[in-house]
PDB file of N, CA and C in Angstrom:
ATOM      1  N   MET A   1     -13.259-245.402 121.210  1.00  0.00           N
ATOM      2  CA  MET A   1     -13.984-244.378 121.296  1.00  0.00           C
ATOM      3  C   MET A   1     -14.213-243.698 122.404  1.00  0.00           C
ATOM      4  N   ALA A   2     -14.074-244.139 123.422  1.00  0.00           N
ATOM      5  CA  ALA A   2     -14.075-243.432 124.927  1.00  0.00           C
ATOM      6  C   ALA A   2     -12.824-242.439 124.975  1.00  0.00           C
ATOM      7  N   SER A   3     -12.261-242.754 124.337  1.00  0.00           N
ATOM      8  CA  SER A   3     -11.465-241.610 124.822  1.00  0.00           C
ATOM      9  C   SER A   3     -11.918-240.115 123.718  1.00  0.00           C
ATOM     10  N   SER A   4     -12.992-240.576 122.440  1.00  0.00           N
ATOM     11  CA  SER A   4     -13.313-238.995 122.257  1.00  0.00           C
ATOM     12  C   SER A   4     -14.612-238.479 122.877  1.00  0.00           C
ATOM     13  N   SER A   5     -15.033-239.746 123.749  1.00  0.00           N
ATOM     14  CA  SER A   5     -16.539-238.884 124.485  1.00  0.00           C
ATOM     15  C   SER A   5     -15.801-238.181 125.541  1.00  0.00           C
ATOM     16  N   PRO A   6     -14.749-238.227 126.023  1.00  0.00           N
ATOM     17  CA  PRO A   6     -14.779-236.887 127.194  1.00  0.00           C
ATOM     18  C   PRO A   6     -14.527-235.727 126.532  1.00  0.00           C
ATOM     19  N   ALA A   7     -13.649-235.549 125.104  1.00  0.00           N
ATOM     20  CA  ALA A   7     -13.417-234.678 124.308  1.00  0.00           C
ATOM     21  C   ALA A   7     -14.672-233.752 123.767  1.00  0.00           C
ATOM     22  N   LEU A   8     -15.766-234.756 123.385  1.00  0.00           N
ATOM     23  CA  LEU A   8     -16.852-234.480 123.287  1.00  0.00           C
ATOM     24  C   LEU A   8     -17.670-233.374 124.382  1.00  0.00           C
ATOM     25  N   THR A   9     -17.460-233.831 125.216  1.00  0.00           N
ATOM     26  CA  THR A   9     -18.797-233.429 127.189  1.00  0.00           C
ATOM     27  C   THR A   9     -17.737-232.080 126.874  1.00  0.00           C
ATOM     28  N   SER A  10     -16.652-232.339 127.021  1.00  0.00           N
ATOM     29  CA  SER A  10     -15.637-231.048 127.665  1.00  0.00           C
ATOM     30  C   SER A  10     -16.169-229.793 126.564  1.00  0.00           C
ATOM     31  N   ALA A  11     -16.465-230.104 125.082  1.00  0.00           N
ATOM     32  CA  ALA A  11     -16.833-229.467 124.144  1.00  0.00           C
ATOM     33  C   ALA A  11     -18.149-228.840 123.939  1.00  0.00           C
ATOM     34  N   ALA A  12     -18.893-230.141 125.177  1.00  0.00           N
ATOM     35  CA  ALA A  12     -20.345-229.446 125.184  1.00  0.00           C
ATOM     36  C   ALA A  12     -20.623-228.671 125.908  1.00  0.00           C
ATOM     37  N   VAL A  13     -19.932-228.875 127.382  1.00  0.00           N
ATOM     38  CA  VAL A  13     -19.956-227.740 128.484  1.00  0.00           C
ATOM     39  C   VAL A  13     -19.484-226.439 128.224  1.00  0.00           C
ATOM     40  N   GLN A  14     -18.592-226.061 127.377  1.00  0.00           N
ATOM     41  CA  GLN A  14     -18.270-225.059 126.981  1.00  0.00           C
ATOM     42  C   GLN A  14     -18.794-224.557 125.490  1.00  0.00           C
ATOM     43  N   GLY A  15     -19.081-225.276 124.824  1.00  0.00           N
ATOM     44  CA  GLY A  15     -20.342-224.365 123.674  1.00  0.00           C
ATOM     45  C   GLY A  15     -21.263-223.627 124.050  1.00  0.00           C
ATOM     46  N   PRO A  16     -22.373-224.134 124.490  1.00  0.00           N
ATOM     47  CA  PRO A  16     -23.172-223.300 124.886  1.00  0.00           C
ATOM     48  C   PRO A  16     -22.632-221.347 126.010  1.00  0.00           C
ATOM     49  N   THR A  17     -21.771-221.505 126.494  1.00  0.00           N
ATOM     50  CA  THR A  17     -21.291-220.932 127.863  1.00  0.00           C
ATOM     51  C   THR A  17     -20.463-220.005 126.143  1.00  0.00           C
ATOM     52  N   GLU A  18     -19.459-220.477 125.790  1.00  0.00           N
ATOM     53  CA  GLU A  18     -18.267-219.771 125.074  1.00  0.00           C
ATOM     54  C   GLU A  18     -18.083-220.481 123.640  1.00  0.00           C
ATOM     55  N   LYS A  19     -17.820-219.645 122.459  1.00  0.00           N
ATOM     56  CA  LYS A  19     -17.258-219.854 121.521  1.00  0.00           C
ATOM     57  C   LYS A  19     -15.715-220.014 121.478  1.00  0.00           C
ATOM     58  N   SER A  20     -15.882-221.117 120.354  1.00  0.00           N
ATOM     59  CA  SER A  20     -14.021-221.259 120.267  1.00  0.00           C
ATOM     60  C   SER A  20     -13.776-220.070 119.252  1.00  0.00           C
ATOM     61  N   PHE A  21     -12.703-220.012 119.039  1.00  0.00           N
ATOM     62  CA  PHE A  21     -11.968-219.225 118.735  1.00  0.00           C
ATOM     63  C   PHE A  21     -12.272-219.248 117.019  1.00  0.00           C
ATOM     64  N   PHE A  22     -12.010-219.988 116.372  1.00  0.00           N
ATOM     65  CA  PHE A  22     -12.638-220.769 116.017  1.00  0.00           C
ATOM     66  C   PHE A  22     -13.942-219.890 114.767  1.00  0.00           C
ATOM     67  N   GLU A  23     -14.848-220.270 115.900  1.00  0.00           N
ATOM     68  CA  GLU A  23     -16.428-220.029 115.357  1.00  0.00           C
ATOM     69  C   GLU A  23     -16.686-218.580 115.806  1.00  0.00           C
ATOM     70  N   GLN A  24     -15.729-218.081 116.387  1.00  0.00           N
ATOM     71  CA  GLN A  24     -16.198-216.395 116.524  1.00  0.00           C
ATOM     72  C   GLN A  24     -15.622-216.187 115.343  1.00  0.00           C
ATOM     73  N   GLN A  25     -14.445-216.759 114.841  1.00  0.00           N
ATOM     74  CA  GLN A  25     -14.121-215.454 113.692  1.00  0.00           C
ATOM     75  C   GLN A  25     -14.950-216.019 112.207  1.00  0.00           C
ATOM     76  N   ARG A  26     -15.206-217.285 112.282  1.00  0.00           N
ATOM     77  CA  ARG A  26     -16.343-217.273 111.130  1.00  0.00           C
ATOM     78  C   ARG A  26     -17.391-216.951 111.711  1.00  0.00           C
ATOM     79  N   ASP A  27     -17.948-216.324 112.540  1.00  0.00           N
ATOM     80  CA  ASP A  27     -19.791-215.356 112.632  1.00  0.00           C
ATOM     81  C   ASP A  27     -18.874-213.981 112.557  1.00  0.00           C
ATOM     82  N   GLN A  28     -17.687-213.556 112.405  1.00  0.00           N
ATOM     83  CA  GLN A  28     -17.231-212.571 112.257  1.00  0.00           C
ATOM     84  C   GLN A  28     -17.153-212.078 110.901  1.00  0.00           C
ATOM     85  N   LEU A  29     -16.595-213.119 110.066  1.00  0.00           N
ATOM     86  CA  LEU A  29     -16.190-213.395 108.707  1.00  0.00           C
ATOM     87  C   LEU A  29     -17.588-213.233 107.790  1.00  0.00           C
ATOM     88  N   ARG A  30     -18.710-214.220 108.290  1.00  0.00           N
ATOM     89  CA  ARG A  30     -20.055-214.011 108.247  1.00  0.00           C
ATOM     90  C   ARG A  30     -20.858-213.040 108.439  1.00  0.00           C
ATOM     91  N   GLY A  31     -20.600-212.254 109.310  1.00  0.00           N
ATOM     92  CA  GLY A  31     -21.094-210.800 109.432  1.00  0.00           C
ATOM     93  C   GLY A  31     -20.522-209.943 108.125  1.00  0.00           C
ATOM     94  N   GLU A  32     -19.433-210.049 108.112  1.00  0.00           N
ATOM     95  CA  GLU A  32     -18.231-208.901 107.468  1.00  0.00           C
ATOM     96  C   GLU A  32     -19.018-209.301 105.594  1.00  0.00           C
ATOM     97  N   ILE A  33     -19.053-210.683 105.416  1.00  0.00           N
ATOM     98  CA  ILE A  33     -19.246-211.070 104.048  1.00  0.00           C
ATOM     99  C   ILE A  33     -21.222-210.376 103.647  1.00  0.00           C
ATOM    100  N   ALA A  34     -21.854-210.881 104.725  1.00  0.00           N
ATOM    101  CA  ALA A  34     -23.383-210.583 104.865  1.00  0.00           C
ATOM    102  C   ALA A  34     -23.627-209.013 104.451  1.00  0.00           C
ATOM    103  N   LEU A  35     -22.443-208.471 105.000  1.00  0.00           N
ATOM    104  CA  LEU A  35     -22.793-206.527 104.694  1.00  0.00           C
ATOM    105  C   LEU A  35     -22.194-206.397 103.600  1.00  0.00           C
ATOM    106  N   ALA A  36     -20.893-207.365 103.328  1.00  0.00           N
ATOM    107  CA  ALA A  36     -20.603-207.129 102.270  1.00  0.00           C
ATOM    108  C   ALA A  36     -21.684-207.394 100.823  1.00  0.00           C
ATOM    109  N   MET A  37     -22.475-208.302 100.661  1.00  0.00           N
ATOM    110  CA  MET A  37     -23.487-208.725  99.883  1.00  0.00           C
ATOM    111  C   MET A  37     -24.444-207.470 100.115  1.00  0.00           C
ATOM    112  N   GLU A  38     -24.759-207.178 101.151  1.00  0.00           N
ATOM    113  CA  GLU A  38     -25.501-205.964 100.933  1.00  0.00           C
ATOM    114  C   GLU A  38     -25.034-204.725 100.531  1.00  0.00           C
ATOM    115  N   HIS A  39     -24.084-204.418 100.552  1.00  0.00           N
ATOM    116  CA  HIS A  39     -23.472-203.039  99.712  1.00  0.00           C
ATOM    117  C   HIS A  39     -23.495-203.795  98.317  1.00  0.00           C
ATOM    118  N   VAL A  40     -23.237-204.570  97.838  1.00  0.00           N
ATOM    119  CA  VAL A  40     -23.106-205.035  96.596  1.00  0.00           C
ATOM    120  C   VAL A  40     -24.614-205.048  95.787  1.00  0.00           C
ATOM    121  N   LEU A  41     -25.691-205.202  96.505  1.00  0.00           N
ATOM    122  CA  LEU A  41     -26.944-205.415  96.424  1.00  0.00           C
ATOM    123  C   LEU A  41     -27.277-204.298  96.046  1.00  0.00           C
ATOM    124  N   MET A  42     -27.009-203.263  97.116  1.00  0.00           N
ATOM    125  CA  MET A  42     -27.412-201.682  97.062  1.00  0.00           C
ATOM    126  C   MET A  42     -26.706-201.009  95.870  1.00  0.00           C
ATOM    127  N   ASN A  43     -25.491-201.256  95.348  1.00  0.00           N
ATOM    128  CA  ASN A  43     -24.730-200.938  94.372  1.00  0.00           C
ATOM    129  C   ASN A  43     -25.647-201.484  93.202  1.00  0.00           C
ATOM    130  N   MET A  44     -25.621-202.259  92.972  1.00  0.00           N
ATOM    131  CA  MET A  44     -26.357-203.320  91.948  1.00  0.00           C
ATOM    132  C   MET A  44     -27.922-202.541  91.127  1.00  0.00           C
ATOM    133  N   ASN A  45     -28.397-202.200  92.573  1.00  0.00           N
ATOM    134  CA  ASN A  45     -29.786-201.795  92.395  1.00  0.00           C
ATOM    135  C   ASN A  45     -29.987-200.391  91.901  1.00  0.00           C
ATOM    136  N   THR A  46     -28.307-199.519  92.072  1.00  0.00           N
ATOM    137  CA  THR A  46     -28.269-198.330  92.021  1.00  0.00           C
ATOM    138  C   THR A  46     -27.865-197.824  90.759  1.00  0.00           C
ATOM    139  N   LEU A  47     -27.157-199.014  89.764  1.00  0.00           N
ATOM    140  CA  LEU A  47     -26.695-199.008  88.956  1.00  0.00           C
ATOM    141  C   LEU A  47     -27.687-199.560  87.655  1.00  0.00           C
ATOM    142  N   ASN A  48     -28.425-200.667  88.276  1.00  0.00           N
ATOM    143  CA  ASN A  48     -29.843-200.383  87.422  1.00  0.00           C
ATOM    144  C   ASN A  48     -30.573-199.310  87.003  1.00  0.00           C
ATOM    145  N   ARG A  49     -30.807-198.521  88.252  1.00  0.00           N
ATOM    146  CA  ARG A  49     -31.766-197.384  88.161  1.00  0.00           C
ATOM    147  C   ARG A  49     -31.022-196.099  86.952  1.00  0.00           C
ATOM    148  N   ASN A  50     -29.760-196.346  87.148  1.00  0.00           N
ATOM    149  CA  ASN A  50     -28.953-195.584  86.566  1.00  0.00           C
ATOM    150  C   ASN A  50     -28.764-195.985  85.224  1.00  0.00           C
ATOM    151  N   MET A  51     -29.066-196.979  84.395  1.00  0.00           N
ATOM    152  CA  MET A  51     -29.081-197.222  83.306  1.00  0.00           C
ATOM    153  C   MET A  51     -30.420-197.220  82.951  1.00  0.00           C
ATOM    154  N   GLU A  52     -31.602-197.539  83.781  1.00  0.00           N
ATOM    155  CA  GLU A  52     -32.615-197.315  83.335  1.00  0.00           C
ATOM    156  C   GLU A  52     -32.976-195.564  82.493  1.00  0.00           C
ATOM    157  N   SER A  53     -32.173-195.195  83.533  1.00  0.00           N
ATOM    158  CA  SER A  53     -32.337-193.415  83.041  1.00  0.00           C
ATOM    159  C   SER A  53     -31.881-192.969  81.756  1.00  0.00           C
ATOM    160  N   ILE A  54     -30.762-193.711  81.666  1.00  0.00           N
ATOM    161  CA  ILE A  54     -29.867-193.584  80.322  1.00  0.00           C
ATOM    162  C   ILE A  54     -30.661-193.919  79.300  1.00  0.00           C
ATOM    163  N   ILE A  55     -31.310-195.321  79.724  1.00  0.00           N
ATOM    164  CA  ILE A  55     -31.936-196.083  78.071  1.00  0.00           C
ATOM    165  C   ILE A  55     -33.236-195.231  77.788  1.00  0.00           C
ATOM    166  N   ALA A  56     -33.667-194.744  79.302  1.00  0.00           N
ATOM    167  CA  ALA A  56     -35.145-193.281  78.870  1.00  0.00           C
ATOM    168  C   ALA A  56     -34.185-192.422  78.072  1.00  0.00           C
ATOM    169  N   VAL A  57     -33.194-191.713  78.482  1.00  0.00           N
ATOM    170  CA  VAL A  57     -32.637-190.822  78.047  1.00  0.00           C
ATOM    171  C   VAL A  57     -32.440-190.628  76.308  1.00  0.00           C
ATOM    172  N   GLY A  58     -31.876-191.879  76.075  1.00  0.00           N
ATOM    173  CA  GLY A  58     -31.656-192.421  74.708  1.00  0.00           C
ATOM    174  C   GLY A  58     -32.779-192.622  73.903  1.00  0.00           C
ATOM    175  N   ARG A  59     -34.058-192.854  74.594  1.00  0.00           N
ATOM    176  CA  ARG A  59     -35.487-193.033  73.988  1.00  0.00           C
ATOM    177  C   ARG A  59     -35.802-191.228  73.516  1.00  0.00           C
ATOM    178  N   GLU A  60     -35.327-190.452  74.195  1.00  0.00           N
ATOM    179  CA  GLU A  60     -36.025-189.247  74.173  1.00  0.00           C
ATOM    180  C   GLU A  60     -35.147-188.471  72.510  1.00  0.00           C
ATOM    181  N   PHE A  61     -33.856-189.190  72.212  1.00  0.00           N
ATOM    182  CA  PHE A  61     -33.338-188.586  71.225  1.00  0.00           C
ATOM    183  C   PHE A  61     -33.772-189.321  69.714  1.00  0.00           C
ATOM    184  N   GLU A  62     -34.700-190.170  69.904  1.00  0.00           N
ATOM    185  CA  GLU A  62     -35.027-191.413  68.934  1.00  0.00           C
ATOM    186  C   GLU A  62     -35.262-190.541  67.840  1.00  0.00           C
ATOM    187  N   SER A  63     -36.456-189.689  67.966  1.00  0.00           N
ATOM    188  CA  SER A  63     -36.975-188.573  67.046  1.00  0.00           C
ATOM    189  C   SER A  63     -35.704-187.556  66.604  1.00  0.00           C
ATOM    190  N   VAL A  64     -35.272-187.212  66.868  1.00  0.00           N
ATOM    191  CA  VAL A  64     -33.926-186.327  66.745  1.00  0.00           C
ATOM    192  C   VAL A  64     -32.809-186.936  65.751  1.00  0.00           C
ATOM    193  N   GLU A  65     -32.744-188.216  66.015  1.00  0.00           N
ATOM    194  CA  GLU A  65     -32.142-188.914  65.266  1.00  0.00           C
ATOM    195  C   GLU A  65     -32.250-189.371  63.632  1.00  0.00           C
ATOM    196  N   ALA A  66     -33.611-189.484  63.674  1.00  0.00           N
ATOM    197  CA  ALA A  66     -34.307-189.822  62.485  1.00  0.00           C
ATOM    198  C   ALA A  66     -34.152-188.863  61.548  1.00  0.00           C
ATOM    199  N   LEU A  67     -34.777-187.502  62.388  1.00  0.00           N
ATOM    200  CA  LEU A  67     -34.765-186.251  61.891  1.00  0.00           C
ATOM    201  C   LEU A  67     -33.127-186.376  61.389  1.00  0.00           C
ATOM    202  N   TRP A  68     -32.248-186.291  61.750  1.00  0.00           N
ATOM    203  CA  TRP A  68     -30.632-186.080  61.637  1.00  0.00           C
ATOM    204  C   TRP A  68     -30.320-187.131  60.321  1.00  0.00           C
ATOM    205  N   SER A  69     -31.098-188.203  60.303  1.00  0.00           N
ATOM    206  CA  SER A  69     -31.023-189.484  59.138  1.00  0.00           C
ATOM    207  C   SER A  69     -31.683-189.360  58.251  1.00  0.00           C
ATOM    208  N   GLN A  70     -32.493-188.434  58.321  1.00  0.00           N
ATOM    209  CA  GLN A  70     -33.345-187.792  57.019  1.00  0.00           C
ATOM    210  C   GLN A  70     -32.650-186.627  56.795  1.00  0.00           C
ATOM    211  N   PHE A  71     -31.954-185.722  56.931  1.00  0.00           N
ATOM    212  CA  PHE A  71     -31.511-184.876  56.525  1.00  0.00           C
ATOM    213  C   PHE A  71     -30.284-185.439  56.062  1.00  0.00           C
ATOM    214  N   GLU A  72     -29.414-186.089  56.347  1.00  0.00           N
ATOM    215  CA  GLU A  72     -28.227-186.529  55.909  1.00  0.00           C
ATOM    216  C   GLU A  72     -28.553-187.655  54.568  1.00  0.00           C
ATOM    217  N   GLY A  73     -29.409-187.790  54.423  1.00  0.00           N
ATOM    218  CA  GLY A  73     -30.157-188.763  53.238  1.00  0.00           C
ATOM    219  C   GLY A  73     -30.268-187.761  52.572  1.00  0.00           C
ATOM    220  N   VAL A  74     -30.660-186.639  52.419  1.00  0.00           N
ATOM    221  CA  VAL A  74     -31.386-185.637  51.545  1.00  0.00           C
ATOM    222  C   VAL A  74     -29.765-185.297  51.303  1.00  0.00           C
ATOM    223  N   MET A  75     -29.432-184.478  52.084  1.00  0.00           N
ATOM    224  CA  MET A  75     -28.272-184.006  51.670  1.00  0.00           C
ATOM    225  C   MET A  75     -26.643-184.728  51.019  1.00  0.00           C
ATOM    226  N   GLY A  76     -26.977-186.081  51.020  1.00  0.00           N
ATOM    227  CA  GLY A  76     -26.176-187.211  50.957  1.00  0.00           C
ATOM    228  C   GLY A  76     -26.073-187.100  49.295  1.00  0.00           C
ATOM    229  N   ARG A  77     -27.414-187.068  48.890  1.00  0.00           N
ATOM    230  CA  ARG A  77     -27.511-187.217  47.358  1.00  0.00           C
ATOM    231  C   ARG A  77     -26.588-186.749  46.620  1.00  0.00           C
ATOM    232  N   ASN A  78     -26.457-187.250  45.382  1.00  0.00           N
ATOM    233  CA  ASN A  78     -25.691-186.888  44.213  1.00  0.00           C
ATOM    234  C   ASN A  78     -26.814-185.276  43.861  1.00  0.00           C
ATOM    235  N   PRO A  79     -26.068-184.224  43.573  1.00  0.00           N
ATOM    236  CA  PRO A  79     -26.502-183.047  43.209  1.00  0.00           C
ATOM    237  C   PRO A  79     -26.576-183.056  41.548  1.00  0.00           C
ATOM    238  N   GLY A  80     -26.153-183.856  40.788  1.00  0.00           N
ATOM    239  CA  GLY A  80     -25.746-183.229  39.545  1.00  0.00           C
ATOM    240  C   GLY A  80     -27.546-184.481  39.009  1.00  0.00           C
ATOM    241  N   VAL A  81     -27.378-185.567  40.192  1.00  0.00           N
ATOM    242  CA  VAL A  81     -28.522-186.421  39.617  1.00  0.00           C
ATOM    243  C   VAL A  81     -30.104-185.786  39.875  1.00  0.00           C
ATOM    244  N   SER A  82     -30.101-185.587  40.532  1.00  0.00           N
ATOM    245  CA  SER A  82     -31.269-184.396  41.263  1.00  0.00           C
ATOM    246  C   SER A  82     -31.788-183.677  40.462  1.00  0.00           C
ATOM    247  N   LYS A  83     -30.668-182.446  40.036  1.00  0.00           N
ATOM    248  CA  LYS A  83     -30.897-181.263  38.922  1.00  0.00           C
ATOM    249  C   LYS A  83     -31.300-181.615  38.079  1.00  0.00           C
ATOM    250  N   GLN A  84     -30.619-182.588  36.861  1.00  0.00           N
ATOM    251  CA  GLN A  84     -30.671-183.307  35.887  1.00  0.00           C
ATOM    252  C   GLN A  84     -31.155-184.414  35.552  1.00  0.00           C
ATOM    253  N   PRO A  85     -32.513-184.738  35.145  1.00  0.00           N
ATOM    254  CA  PRO A  85     -32.776-185.742  34.823  1.00  0.00           C
ATOM    255  C   PRO A  85     -31.863-186.769  33.658  1.00  0.00           C
ATOM    256  N   GLU A  86     -31.702-187.736  33.685  1.00  0.00           N
ATOM    257  CA  GLU A  86     -30.788-188.798  32.766  1.00  0.00           C
ATOM    258  C   GLU A  86     -31.765-188.639  30.999  1.00  0.00           C
ATOM    259  N   GLN A  87     -30.571-188.140  30.313  1.00  0.00           N
ATOM    260  CA  GLN A  87     -31.292-188.061  29.256  1.00  0.00           C
ATOM    261  C   GLN A  87     -31.296-190.195  28.571  1.00  0.00           C
ATOM    262  N   PRO A  88     -32.268-189.983  27.716  1.00  0.00           N
ATOM    263  CA  PRO A  88     -32.594-191.254  26.906  1.00  0.00           C
ATOM    264  C   PRO A  88     -31.361-191.694  26.081  1.00  0.00           C
ATOM    265  N   ALA A  89     -31.099-193.120  25.974  1.00  0.00           N
ATOM    266  CA  ALA A  89     -29.881-193.270  25.147  1.00  0.00           C
ATOM    267  C   ALA A  89     -29.614-193.065  23.732  1.00  0.00           C
ATOM    268  N   GLU A  90     -31.138-192.714  22.912  1.00  0.00           N
ATOM    269  CA  GLU A  90     -31.068-192.411  21.685  1.00  0.00           C
ATOM    270  C   GLU A  90     -30.877-191.029  21.750  1.00  0.00           C
ATOM    271  N   GLU A  91     -31.394-189.566  22.373  1.00  0.00           N
ATOM    272  CA  GLU A  91     -31.003-188.500  22.450  1.00  0.00           C
ATOM    273  C   GLU A  91     -28.877-188.277  22.404  1.00  0.00           C
ATOM    274  N   GLU A  92     -28.501-189.211  23.574  1.00  0.00           N
ATOM    275  CA  GLU A  92     -27.081-189.305  23.199  1.00  0.00           C
ATOM    276  C   GLU A  92     -26.673-189.655  22.476  1.00  0.00           C
ATOM    277  N   HIS A  93     -27.010-190.993  21.269  1.00  0.00           N
ATOM    278  CA  HIS A  93     -26.544-191.079  20.228  1.00  0.00           C
ATOM    279  C   HIS A  93     -26.692-189.717  19.072  1.00  0.00           C
ATOM    280  N   ARG A  94     -27.575-188.993  19.375  1.00  0.00           N
ATOM    281  CA  ARG A  94     -28.236-188.443  18.386  1.00  0.00           C
ATOM    282  C   ARG A  94     -27.204-187.250  17.965  1.00  0.00           C
ATOM    283  N   GLU A  95     -26.584-186.899  19.610  1.00  0.00           N
ATOM    284  CA  GLU A  95     -26.051-185.374  19.850  1.00  0.00           C
ATOM    285  C   GLU A  95     -24.632-186.494  19.711  1.00  0.00           C
ATOM    286  N   GLU A  96     -23.874-187.105  19.940  1.00  0.00           N
ATOM    287  CA  GLU A  96     -22.970-187.560  19.059  1.00  0.00           C
ATOM    288  C   GLU A  96     -22.917-187.599  17.903  1.00  0.00           C
ATOM    289  N   ALA A  97     -23.806-188.046  17.083  1.00  0.00           N
ATOM    290  CA  ALA A  97     -23.470-188.173  15.458  1.00  0.00           C
ATOM    291  C   ALA A  97     -23.547-186.804  14.882  1.00  0.00           C
ATOM    292  N   VAL A  98     -24.458-185.960  15.686  1.00  0.00           N
ATOM    293  CA  VAL A  98     -24.282-184.062  15.055  1.00  0.00           C
ATOM    294  C   VAL A  98     -23.088-183.634  15.675  1.00  0.00           C
ATOM    295  N   ASP A  99     -22.183-184.476  16.540  1.00  0.00           N
ATOM    296  CA  ASP A  99     -20.563-183.642  16.719  1.00  0.00           C
ATOM    297  C   ASP A  99     -19.839-184.241  15.782  1.00  0.00           C
ATOM    298  N   ARG A 100     -19.919-185.699  15.513  1.00  0.00           N
ATOM    299  CA  ARG A 100     -19.106-186.293  14.709  1.00  0.00           C
ATOM    300  C   ARG A 100     -19.695-185.469  13.202  1.00  0.00           C
ATOM    301  N   ASP A 101     -20.772-184.882  12.421  1.00  0.00           N
ATOM    302  CA  ASP A 101     -20.894-184.269  11.688  1.00  0.00           C
ATOM    303  C   ASP A 101     -20.567-183.188  11.392  1.00  0.00           C
ATOM    304  N   ALA A 102     -20.319-182.191  12.173  1.00  0.00           N
ATOM    305  CA  ALA A 102     -20.130-181.061  12.517  1.00  0.00           C
ATOM    306  C   ALA A 102     -18.294-181.043  12.343  1.00  0.00           C
ATOM    307  N   ASP A 103     -18.226-181.612  13.297  1.00  0.00           N
ATOM    308  CA  ASP A 103     -16.582-182.083  13.042  1.00  0.00           C
ATOM    309  C   ASP A 103     -15.932-182.130  11.700  1.00  0.00           C
ATOM    310  N   VAL A 104     -16.813-182.873  10.808  1.00  0.00           N
ATOM    311  CA  VAL A 104     -16.468-183.787   9.283  1.00  0.00           C
ATOM    312  C   VAL A 104     -16.621-182.267   8.087  1.00  0.00           C
ATOM    313  N   THR A 105     -17.833-181.328   8.474  1.00  0.00           N
ATOM    314  CA  THR A 105     -17.904-180.612   8.032  1.00  0.00           C
ATOM    315  C   THR A 105     -17.008-179.446   7.864  1.00  0.00           C
ATOM    316  N   MET A 106     -16.296-179.126   9.162  1.00  0.00           N
ATOM    317  CA  MET A 106     -15.518-177.954   9.628  1.00  0.00           C
ATOM    318  C   MET A 106     -14.117-178.548   9.215  1.00  0.00           C
ATOM    319  N   GLY A 107     -13.776-179.569   9.457  1.00  0.00           N
ATOM    320  CA  GLY A 107     -12.636-179.907   9.254  1.00  0.00           C
ATOM    321  C   GLY A 107     -12.026-180.282   7.891  1.00  0.00           C
TER     322      GLY A 107
END
């Protein structure tokens, strides 16, 4: 242990006045990382504001979308069903019987 203490005393003497190459590089990298993290945070905030704007614009079109959906529902109905009500089954059978009787008398 006696051999390691002179190394510590010389490093301790150099430490306060001068930083080692490793410490200089570490501090430089810490600064670059901190700057990069600030840029990331700033860009995330910008993205968040833009997403909120997009959502707000989308909400403004909800009423238009509802109106178009209603229009599509009306236009998508079967036109034959809305114009002619369905005939009861008894009337259909009567018409078929009349048609058969007519075929028999004509034939």
